[in-house]
């Protein structure tokens, strides 16, 4: 399912594209990552699930979320100001 079929990204100006990424895509990604994190941590606190050996999944997800956060921060602090100048 293509959620972006109504947007022709080729027709957006650099400023419009940066705005879209920051205010739509980054917001969506942050909310989804938080939701996934909440579910992983909920399963970790459940006795039956905590015995299922999901510790490595939780650790891997924590690394992924941290790295993704750094990626978004670099875009917002370095790339986007350069593109919109």
C-alpha atoms as a PDB file:
ATOM      1  CA  UNK A   1       0.000   0.000   0.000  1.00  0.00           C
ATOM      2  CA  UNK A   2       1.496   3.311  -1.068  1.00  0.00           C
ATOM      3  CA  UNK A   3       0.512   5.966   1.454  1.00  0.00           C
ATOM      4  CA  UNK A   4       2.201   8.686  -0.584  1.00  0.00           C
ATOM      5  CA  UNK A   5       0.525   8.112  -3.938  1.00  0.00           C
ATOM      6  CA  UNK A   6      -1.288  11.453  -3.715  1.00  0.00           C
ATOM      7  CA  UNK A   7       2.005  13.386  -3.438  1.00  0.00           C
ATOM      8  CA  UNK A   8       4.273  13.893  -6.417  1.00  0.00           C
ATOM      9  CA  UNK A   9       7.590  14.382  -4.650  1.00  0.00           C
ATOM     10  CA  UNK A  10       9.231  15.333  -7.952  1.00  0.00           C
ATOM     11  CA  UNK A  11       7.115  18.474  -8.049  1.00  0.00           C
ATOM     12  CA  UNK A  12       7.985  19.681  -4.536  1.00  0.00           C
ATOM     13  CA  UNK A  13      10.512  22.426  -4.054  1.00  0.00           C
ATOM     14  CA  UNK A  14      13.467  21.650  -1.761  1.00  0.00           C
ATOM     15  CA  UNK A  15      11.827  23.673   1.022  1.00  0.00           C
ATOM     16  CA  UNK A  16       8.510  21.848   0.601  1.00  0.00           C
ATOM     17  CA  UNK A  17      10.266  18.489   0.612  1.00  0.00           C
ATOM     18  CA  UNK A  18      12.205  19.332   3.781  1.00  0.00           C
ATOM     19  CA  UNK A  19       9.000  20.521   5.451  1.00  0.00           C
ATOM     20  CA  UNK A  20       7.254  17.309   4.473  1.00  0.00           C
ATOM     21  CA  UNK A  21      10.083  15.149   5.807  1.00  0.00           C
ATOM     22  CA  UNK A  22      10.352  17.054   9.074  1.00  0.00           C
ATOM     23  CA  UNK A  23       6.683  17.568   9.878  1.00  0.00           C
ATOM     24  CA  UNK A  24       5.143  14.430   8.396  1.00  0.00           C
ATOM     25  CA  UNK A  25       7.741  11.705   7.967  1.00  0.00           C
ATOM     26  CA  UNK A  26       9.880  12.366  11.060  1.00  0.00           C
ATOM     27  CA  UNK A  27       6.803  12.839  13.205  1.00  0.00           C
ATOM     28  CA  UNK A  28       5.308   9.594  11.930  1.00  0.00           C
ATOM     29  CA  UNK A  29       8.563   7.687  12.421  1.00  0.00           C
ATOM     30  CA  UNK A  30       8.946   9.001  15.968  1.00  0.00           C
ATOM     31  CA  UNK A  31       5.398   8.003  16.882  1.00  0.00           C
ATOM     32  CA  UNK A  32       5.754   4.531  15.362  1.00  0.00           C
ATOM     33  CA  UNK A  33       9.106   3.902  17.041  1.00  0.00           C
ATOM     34  CA  UNK A  34       7.645   4.950  20.385  1.00  0.00           C
ATOM     35  CA  UNK A  35       4.665   2.640  19.859  1.00  0.00           C
ATOM     36  CA  UNK A  36       6.928  -0.298  18.995  1.00  0.00           C
ATOM     37  CA  UNK A  37       9.135   0.483  21.980  1.00  0.00           C
ATOM     38  CA  UNK A  38       6.101   0.548  24.281  1.00  0.00           C
ATOM     39  CA  UNK A  39       4.978  -2.859  23.014  1.00  0.00           C
ATOM     40  CA  UNK A  40       8.435  -4.372  23.376  1.00  0.00           C
ATOM     41  CA  UNK A  41       8.736  -3.070  26.917  1.00  0.00           C
ATOM     42  CA  UNK A  42       5.205  -4.286  27.755  1.00  0.00           C
ATOM     43  CA  UNK A  43       6.065  -7.797  26.605  1.00  0.00           C
ATOM     44  CA  UNK A  44       9.293  -7.624  28.589  1.00  0.00           C
ATOM     45  CA  UNK A  45       7.384  -6.888  31.816  1.00  0.00           C
ATOM     46  CA  UNK A  46       4.890  -9.710  31.217  1.00  0.00           C
ATOM     47  CA  UNK A  47       6.158 -12.833  33.013  1.00  0.00           C
ATOM     48  CA  UNK A  48       5.288 -15.265  30.215  1.00  0.00           C
ATOM     49  CA  UNK A  49       6.816 -13.054  27.544  1.00  0.00           C
ATOM     50  CA  UNK A  50       9.912 -12.130  29.520  1.00  0.00           C
ATOM     51  CA  UNK A  51      10.730 -15.830  29.738  1.00  0.00           C
ATOM     52  CA  UNK A  52      10.480 -16.087  25.939  1.00  0.00           C
ATOM     53  CA  UNK A  53      13.976 -14.690  25.439  1.00  0.00           C
ATOM     54  CA  UNK A  54      13.007 -11.364  23.893  1.00  0.00           C
ATOM     55  CA  UNK A  55      15.879  -9.523  25.589  1.00  0.00           C
ATOM     56  CA  UNK A  56      17.996  -9.471  22.396  1.00  0.00           C
ATOM     57  CA  UNK A  57      15.048  -8.006  20.460  1.00  0.00           C
ATOM     58  CA  UNK A  58      14.655  -5.238  23.018  1.00  0.00           C
ATOM     59  CA  UNK A  59      18.375  -4.477  22.930  1.00  0.00           C
ATOM     60  CA  UNK A  60      18.473  -4.452  19.123  1.00  0.00           C
ATOM     61  CA  UNK A  61      15.441  -2.190  18.952  1.00  0.00           C
ATOM     62  CA  UNK A  62      16.965   0.231  21.468  1.00  0.00           C
ATOM     63  CA  UNK A  63      20.063   0.483  19.259  1.00  0.00           C
ATOM     64  CA  UNK A  64      17.914   0.987  16.150  1.00  0.00           C
ATOM     65  CA  UNK A  65      15.839   3.714  17.783  1.00  0.00           C
ATOM     66  CA  UNK A  66      18.949   5.527  19.044  1.00  0.00           C
ATOM     67  CA  UNK A  67      20.639   5.377  15.643  1.00  0.00           C
ATOM     68  CA  UNK A  68      17.489   6.521  13.855  1.00  0.00           C
ATOM     69  CA  UNK A  69      17.149   9.441  16.263  1.00  0.00           C
ATOM     70  CA  UNK A  70      20.737  10.471  15.525  1.00  0.00           C
ATOM     71  CA  UNK A  71      20.040  10.193  11.795  1.00  0.00           C
ATOM     72  CA  UNK A  72      16.994  12.459  12.023  1.00  0.00           C
ATOM     73  CA  UNK A  73      18.900  14.948  14.177  1.00  0.00           C
ATOM     74  CA  UNK A  74      21.737  15.138  11.630  1.00  0.00           C
ATOM     75  CA  UNK A  75      19.233  15.723   8.843  1.00  0.00           C
ATOM     76  CA  UNK A  76      17.564  18.533  10.778  1.00  0.00           C
ATOM     77  CA  UNK A  77      20.793  20.202  11.917  1.00  0.00           C
ATOM     78  CA  UNK A  78      23.074  19.706   8.905  1.00  0.00           C
ATOM     79  CA  UNK A  79      21.322  18.571   5.718  1.00  0.00           C
ATOM     80  CA  UNK A  80      18.042  20.473   5.836  1.00  0.00           C
ATOM     81  CA  UNK A  81      19.543  23.911   6.540  1.00  0.00           C
ATOM     82  CA  UNK A  82      21.936  23.343   3.627  1.00  0.00           C
ATOM     83  CA  UNK A  83      19.120  22.294   1.277  1.00  0.00           C
ATOM     84  CA  UNK A  84      16.835  25.183   2.187  1.00  0.00           C
ATOM     85  CA  UNK A  85      19.430  27.940   1.823  1.00  0.00           C
END
